[in-house]
Amino acid sequence: MASIFDQIGGASAVSAVVDEFYERVMADPRLGGRFTGTDMGKLKAHQRSFVAAALGGPQEYRGKTMDEAHAGLGITGEDFDAVVGHLAGALTHCDVPQDTIATIAGALAPLRDQVVDGEVPVA
């Protein structure tokens, strides 16, 4: 059976989804400001690598763990839900089937505890 990575169209599809995802996130007034000063090219590259690996692609993700990448960012449950919603919207926009989107959402749910800390970073 083909991996989700292959089912959605491989690296080019992951790239399109990541681009659409960040357009949505950056346009969201609740989330966009969190990325001020962020190297979006580097962030998108990490995200493409993470998503591809998570969907069963051939490459191995070598970035930070979810805990490390999101520590001290003050991410709330509402923020997490909004991001997952934007990802689902990006996947839908890129013609990923709804059953596949549901599978992806199910795989993301356990990451909530690693990402959400609700603490505001100290300036």
N, C-alpha and C. Protein backbone atom coordinates (compact mmCIF):
# COMPACT_ATOMS: atom_id res chain seq x y z
N MET A 1 0.85 -1.19 0.00
CA MET A 1 0.00 0.00 0.00
C MET A 1 0.89 1.24 0.00
N ALA A 2 0.54 2.21 -0.80
CA ALA A 2 1.32 3.44 -0.91
C ALA A 2 1.17 4.29 0.36
N SER A 3 2.24 5.00 0.70
CA SER A 3 2.19 5.90 1.86
C SER A 3 1.29 7.09 1.55
N ILE A 4 0.88 7.79 2.59
CA ILE A 4 0.10 9.02 2.39
C ILE A 4 0.91 10.00 1.55
N PHE A 5 2.21 10.05 1.78
CA PHE A 5 3.11 10.91 1.00
C PHE A 5 2.93 10.64 -0.48
N ASP A 6 2.95 9.38 -0.87
CA ASP A 6 2.78 9.01 -2.28
C ASP A 6 1.35 9.26 -2.75
N GLN A 7 0.37 8.97 -1.91
CA GLN A 7 -1.04 9.13 -2.28
C GLN A 7 -1.37 10.58 -2.62
N ILE A 8 -0.77 11.53 -1.91
CA ILE A 8 -1.12 12.94 -2.17
C ILE A 8 -0.28 13.56 -3.28
N GLY A 9 0.73 12.85 -3.78
CA GLY A 9 1.50 13.38 -4.90
C GLY A 9 2.96 13.65 -4.62
N GLY A 10 3.48 13.16 -3.49
CA GLY A 10 4.90 13.27 -3.22
C GLY A 10 5.38 14.66 -2.83
N ALA A 11 6.66 14.91 -3.10
CA ALA A 11 7.32 16.14 -2.65
C ALA A 11 6.67 17.40 -3.21
N SER A 12 6.25 17.38 -4.46
CA SER A 12 5.64 18.59 -5.03
C SER A 12 4.33 18.92 -4.34
N ALA A 13 3.56 17.89 -3.99
CA ALA A 13 2.30 18.13 -3.28
C ALA A 13 2.56 18.65 -1.87
N VAL A 14 3.54 18.08 -1.19
CA VAL A 14 3.88 18.55 0.16
C VAL A 14 4.31 20.02 0.10
N SER A 15 5.11 20.37 -0.88
CA SER A 15 5.55 21.75 -1.03
C SER A 15 4.36 22.70 -1.25
N ALA A 16 3.43 22.29 -2.10
CA ALA A 16 2.24 23.12 -2.36
C ALA A 16 1.40 23.28 -1.10
N VAL A 17 1.24 22.19 -0.35
CA VAL A 17 0.46 22.25 0.89
C VAL A 17 1.14 23.17 1.90
N VAL A 18 2.45 23.05 2.06
CA VAL A 18 3.17 23.89 3.03
C VAL A 18 3.06 25.37 2.64
N ASP A 19 3.20 25.69 1.36
CA ASP A 19 3.06 27.08 0.92
C ASP A 19 1.66 27.61 1.21
N GLU A 20 0.64 26.83 0.87
CA GLU A 20 -0.75 27.24 1.12
C GLU A 20 -1.01 27.36 2.62
N PHE A 21 -0.48 26.43 3.39
CA PHE A 21 -0.63 26.46 4.85
C PHE A 21 -0.09 27.76 5.44
N TYR A 22 1.14 28.13 5.05
CA TYR A 22 1.71 29.35 5.63
C TYR A 22 1.03 30.61 5.13
N GLU A 23 0.49 30.60 3.93
CA GLU A 23 -0.31 31.76 3.49
C GLU A 23 -1.50 31.93 4.42
N ARG A 24 -2.14 30.85 4.76
CA ARG A 24 -3.30 30.89 5.66
C ARG A 24 -2.91 31.31 7.08
N VAL A 25 -1.83 30.73 7.59
CA VAL A 25 -1.39 31.05 8.94
C VAL A 25 -0.98 32.53 9.03
N MET A 26 -0.24 33.00 8.06
CA MET A 26 0.24 34.39 8.10
C MET A 26 -0.91 35.39 7.96
N ALA A 27 -1.99 35.00 7.30
CA ALA A 27 -3.15 35.88 7.14
C ALA A 27 -4.06 35.86 8.37
N ASP A 28 -3.84 34.93 9.27
CA ASP A 28 -4.66 34.80 10.47
C ASP A 28 -4.16 35.80 11.52
N PRO A 29 -5.00 36.77 11.91
CA PRO A 29 -4.54 37.77 12.88
C PRO A 29 -4.12 37.18 14.23
N ARG A 30 -4.62 36.01 14.58
CA ARG A 30 -4.23 35.37 15.85
C ARG A 30 -2.83 34.78 15.78
N LEU A 31 -2.38 34.43 14.56
CA LEU A 31 -1.15 33.66 14.42
C LEU A 31 -0.04 34.38 13.68
N GLY A 32 -0.37 35.19 12.71
CA GLY A 32 0.63 35.78 11.82
C GLY A 32 1.74 36.53 12.55
N GLY A 33 1.39 37.26 13.59
CA GLY A 33 2.37 38.04 14.32
C GLY A 33 3.42 37.21 15.04
N ARG A 34 3.12 35.96 15.27
CA ARG A 34 4.09 35.08 15.94
C ARG A 34 5.33 34.82 15.09
N PHE A 35 5.23 35.12 13.79
CA PHE A 35 6.32 34.80 12.87
C PHE A 35 7.14 36.03 12.47
N THR A 36 6.91 37.14 13.15
CA THR A 36 7.69 38.35 12.87
C THR A 36 9.17 38.05 13.10
N GLY A 37 9.98 38.38 12.11
CA GLY A 37 11.41 38.17 12.21
C GLY A 37 11.85 36.74 11.91
N THR A 38 10.90 35.87 11.55
CA THR A 38 11.24 34.48 11.25
C THR A 38 11.69 34.34 9.81
N ASP A 39 12.72 33.56 9.58
CA ASP A 39 13.16 33.25 8.22
C ASP A 39 12.17 32.24 7.67
N MET A 40 11.20 32.74 6.89
CA MET A 40 10.12 31.88 6.42
C MET A 40 10.62 30.82 5.43
N GLY A 41 11.65 31.13 4.66
CA GLY A 41 12.21 30.13 3.74
C GLY A 41 12.75 28.94 4.51
N LYS A 42 13.47 29.22 5.58
CA LYS A 42 14.02 28.15 6.41
C LYS A 42 12.91 27.39 7.13
N LEU A 43 11.93 28.12 7.64
CA LEU A 43 10.82 27.48 8.34
C LEU A 43 10.03 26.57 7.40
N LYS A 44 9.76 27.06 6.19
CA LYS A 44 9.03 26.23 5.21
C LYS A 44 9.83 24.98 4.84
N ALA A 45 11.14 25.12 4.71
CA ALA A 45 11.97 23.95 4.39
C ALA A 45 11.89 22.92 5.51
N HIS A 46 11.96 23.37 6.76
CA HIS A 46 11.83 22.44 7.89
C HIS A 46 10.45 21.79 7.88
N GLN A 47 9.43 22.60 7.61
CA GLN A 47 8.06 22.09 7.62
C GLN A 47 7.85 21.07 6.50
N ARG A 48 8.41 21.34 5.32
CA ARG A 48 8.30 20.37 4.22
C ARG A 48 8.95 19.04 4.61
N SER A 49 10.11 19.12 5.23
CA SER A 49 10.82 17.92 5.66
C SER A 49 10.01 17.16 6.71
N PHE A 50 9.48 17.88 7.69
CA PHE A 50 8.69 17.26 8.75
C PHE A 50 7.44 16.60 8.19
N VAL A 51 6.69 17.34 7.36
CA VAL A 51 5.44 16.81 6.81
C VAL A 51 5.72 15.59 5.93
N ALA A 52 6.72 15.69 5.08
CA ALA A 52 7.06 14.56 4.20
C ALA A 52 7.38 13.32 5.02
N ALA A 53 8.21 13.46 6.04
CA ALA A 53 8.57 12.31 6.87
C ALA A 53 7.36 11.78 7.63
N ALA A 54 6.53 12.69 8.14
CA ALA A 54 5.35 12.28 8.90
C ALA A 54 4.34 11.52 8.03
N LEU A 55 4.33 11.82 6.74
CA LEU A 55 3.39 11.17 5.83
C LEU A 55 3.98 9.93 5.16
N GLY A 56 5.16 9.53 5.60
CA GLY A 56 5.75 8.30 5.08
C GLY A 56 6.65 8.48 3.88
N GLY A 57 7.12 9.71 3.68
CA GLY A 57 8.03 9.98 2.57
C GLY A 57 9.39 9.33 2.79
N PRO A 58 10.21 9.34 1.75
CA PRO A 58 11.49 8.62 1.82
C PRO A 58 12.56 9.29 2.68
N GLN A 59 12.43 10.58 2.93
CA GLN A 59 13.46 11.27 3.69
C GLN A 59 13.20 11.20 5.19
N GLU A 60 14.26 11.35 5.95
CA GLU A 60 14.19 11.32 7.40
C GLU A 60 14.19 12.75 7.91
N TYR A 61 13.32 13.05 8.88
CA TYR A 61 13.28 14.37 9.49
C TYR A 61 14.38 14.45 10.53
N ARG A 62 15.20 15.49 10.43
CA ARG A 62 16.33 15.64 11.36
C ARG A 62 16.27 16.94 12.14
N GLY A 63 15.11 17.54 12.20
CA GLY A 63 14.95 18.80 12.92
C GLY A 63 14.72 18.57 14.42
N LYS A 64 14.36 19.64 15.09
CA LYS A 64 14.08 19.59 16.52
C LYS A 64 12.83 18.77 16.78
N THR A 65 12.74 18.27 18.01
CA THR A 65 11.50 17.61 18.42
C THR A 65 10.41 18.66 18.54
N MET A 66 9.17 18.22 18.60
CA MET A 66 8.05 19.16 18.77
C MET A 66 8.22 19.96 20.05
N ASP A 67 8.61 19.30 21.13
CA ASP A 67 8.83 20.00 22.40
C ASP A 67 9.88 21.10 22.24
N GLU A 68 11.01 20.76 21.64
CA GLU A 68 12.11 21.72 21.48
C GLU A 68 11.72 22.88 20.58
N ALA A 69 11.05 22.58 19.48
CA ALA A 69 10.73 23.61 18.50
C ALA A 69 9.70 24.61 19.01
N HIS A 70 8.86 24.20 19.97
CA HIS A 70 7.77 25.07 20.40
C HIS A 70 7.88 25.52 21.86
N ALA A 71 8.96 25.14 22.54
CA ALA A 71 9.14 25.49 23.95
C ALA A 71 9.16 27.00 24.15
N GLY A 72 8.41 27.46 25.14
CA GLY A 72 8.43 28.87 25.51
C GLY A 72 7.73 29.81 24.54
N LEU A 73 7.02 29.28 23.57
CA LEU A 73 6.36 30.14 22.59
C LEU A 73 4.96 30.57 23.02
N GLY A 74 4.49 30.03 24.13
CA GLY A 74 3.18 30.43 24.64
C GLY A 74 2.03 29.97 23.76
N ILE A 75 2.17 28.84 23.13
CA ILE A 75 1.14 28.34 22.24
C ILE A 75 0.00 27.76 23.06
N THR A 76 -1.21 28.24 22.77
CA THR A 76 -2.40 27.80 23.49
C THR A 76 -3.10 26.70 22.70
N GLY A 77 -4.04 26.05 23.36
CA GLY A 77 -4.86 25.07 22.67
C GLY A 77 -5.61 25.68 21.50
N GLU A 78 -6.08 26.92 21.68
CA GLU A 78 -6.78 27.62 20.60
C GLU A 78 -5.84 27.84 19.41
N ASP A 79 -4.60 28.21 19.68
CA ASP A 79 -3.61 28.38 18.61
C ASP A 79 -3.39 27.07 17.86
N PHE A 80 -3.23 26.00 18.61
CA PHE A 80 -3.00 24.68 18.01
C PHE A 80 -4.18 24.31 17.11
N ASP A 81 -5.38 24.49 17.62
CA ASP A 81 -6.57 24.15 16.84
C ASP A 81 -6.65 24.98 15.57
N ALA A 82 -6.29 26.26 15.66
CA ALA A 82 -6.32 27.13 14.48
C ALA A 82 -5.31 26.66 13.44
N VAL A 83 -4.13 26.26 13.89
CA VAL A 83 -3.09 25.77 12.97
C VAL A 83 -3.55 24.47 12.29
N VAL A 84 -4.13 23.56 13.07
CA VAL A 84 -4.63 22.32 12.48
C VAL A 84 -5.74 22.63 11.46
N GLY A 85 -6.59 23.60 11.79
CA GLY A 85 -7.64 24.02 10.86
C GLY A 85 -7.06 24.57 9.57
N HIS A 86 -6.00 25.36 9.68
CA HIS A 86 -5.35 25.91 8.48
C HIS A 86 -4.68 24.80 7.66
N LEU A 87 -4.12 23.81 8.34
CA LEU A 87 -3.53 22.69 7.62
C LEU A 87 -4.61 21.92 6.87
N ALA A 88 -5.73 21.66 7.53
CA ALA A 88 -6.83 20.97 6.86
C ALA A 88 -7.33 21.77 5.66
N GLY A 89 -7.42 23.09 5.82
CA GLY A 89 -7.83 23.93 4.71
C GLY A 89 -6.85 23.89 3.56
N ALA A 90 -5.56 23.89 3.88
CA ALA A 90 -4.53 23.83 2.84
C ALA A 90 -4.58 22.48 2.12
N LEU A 91 -4.77 21.41 2.86
CA LEU A 91 -4.87 20.08 2.26
C LEU A 91 -6.09 19.99 1.35
N THR A 92 -7.21 20.54 1.81
CA THR A 92 -8.43 20.56 0.99
C THR A 92 -8.19 21.36 -0.28
N HIS A 93 -7.58 22.53 -0.13
CA HIS A 93 -7.28 23.40 -1.28
C HIS A 93 -6.42 22.68 -2.31
N CYS A 94 -5.53 21.81 -1.83
CA CYS A 94 -4.62 21.08 -2.71
C CYS A 94 -5.20 19.73 -3.13
N ASP A 95 -6.51 19.57 -2.99
CA ASP A 95 -7.25 18.39 -3.47
C ASP A 95 -6.87 17.07 -2.80
N VAL A 96 -6.45 17.14 -1.54
CA VAL A 96 -6.21 15.91 -0.79
C VAL A 96 -7.58 15.38 -0.34
N PRO A 97 -7.84 14.10 -0.54
CA PRO A 97 -9.14 13.52 -0.16
C PRO A 97 -9.44 13.68 1.34
N GLN A 98 -10.71 13.85 1.66
CA GLN A 98 -11.12 14.08 3.05
C GLN A 98 -10.74 12.94 3.98
N ASP A 99 -10.79 11.69 3.52
CA ASP A 99 -10.41 10.58 4.40
C ASP A 99 -8.92 10.63 4.73
N THR A 100 -8.12 11.10 3.78
CA THR A 100 -6.68 11.26 4.02
C THR A 100 -6.44 12.41 4.99
N ILE A 101 -7.19 13.49 4.84
CA ILE A 101 -7.08 14.62 5.77
C ILE A 101 -7.44 14.17 7.18
N ALA A 102 -8.46 13.35 7.32
CA ALA A 102 -8.85 12.84 8.63
C ALA A 102 -7.74 11.99 9.24
N THR A 103 -7.08 11.19 8.42
CA THR A 103 -5.95 10.37 8.89
C THR A 103 -4.82 11.26 9.37
N ILE A 104 -4.52 12.31 8.61
CA ILE A 104 -3.46 13.25 8.99
C ILE A 104 -3.82 13.95 10.29
N ALA A 105 -5.07 14.41 10.41
CA ALA A 105 -5.51 15.08 11.64
C ALA A 105 -5.38 14.16 12.84
N GLY A 106 -5.71 12.88 12.65
CA GLY A 106 -5.57 11.92 13.73
C GLY A 106 -4.12 11.73 14.16
N ALA A 107 -3.21 11.83 13.19
CA ALA A 107 -1.79 11.70 13.50
C ALA A 107 -1.27 12.93 14.23
N LEU A 108 -1.90 14.09 14.01
CA LEU A 108 -1.46 15.33 14.65
C LEU A 108 -1.97 15.46 16.09
N ALA A 109 -3.10 14.86 16.38
CA ALA A 109 -3.72 15.02 17.70
C ALA A 109 -2.76 14.72 18.86
N PRO A 110 -1.96 13.65 18.80
CA PRO A 110 -1.06 13.38 19.92
C PRO A 110 0.05 14.44 20.09
N LEU A 111 0.28 15.24 19.07
CA LEU A 111 1.32 16.27 19.17
C LEU A 111 0.87 17.47 20.00
N ARG A 112 -0.43 17.58 20.24
CA ARG A 112 -0.98 18.73 20.97
C ARG A 112 -0.25 18.94 22.30
N ASP A 113 -0.07 17.87 23.07
CA ASP A 113 0.57 18.00 24.39
C ASP A 113 2.03 18.44 24.28
N GLN A 114 2.68 18.15 23.15
CA GLN A 114 4.07 18.55 22.96
C GLN A 114 4.20 19.99 22.51
N VAL A 115 3.15 20.53 21.89
CA VAL A 115 3.20 21.86 21.30
C VAL A 115 2.61 22.93 22.22
N VAL A 116 1.50 22.61 22.87
CA VAL A 116 0.77 23.57 23.69
C VAL A 116 1.44 23.70 25.04
N ASP A 117 1.79 24.95 25.38
CA ASP A 117 2.28 25.18 26.74
C ASP A 117 1.54 26.34 27.41
N GLY A 118 0.95 27.20 26.59
CA GLY A 118 0.12 28.27 27.12
C GLY A 118 0.86 29.31 27.93
N GLU A 119 2.19 29.20 27.99
CA GLU A 119 2.96 30.18 28.73
C GLU A 119 3.49 31.24 27.78
N VAL A 120 3.42 32.49 28.22
CA VAL A 120 3.91 33.58 27.42
C VAL A 120 5.41 33.70 27.62
N PRO A 121 6.20 33.77 26.52
CA PRO A 121 7.64 33.88 26.70
C PRO A 121 8.03 35.16 27.43
N VAL A 122 9.06 35.06 28.25
CA VAL A 122 9.55 36.21 29.00
C VAL A 122 10.45 37.02 28.09
N ALA A 123 10.17 38.32 28.02
CA ALA A 123 10.95 39.20 27.12
C ALA A 123 12.24 39.64 27.78
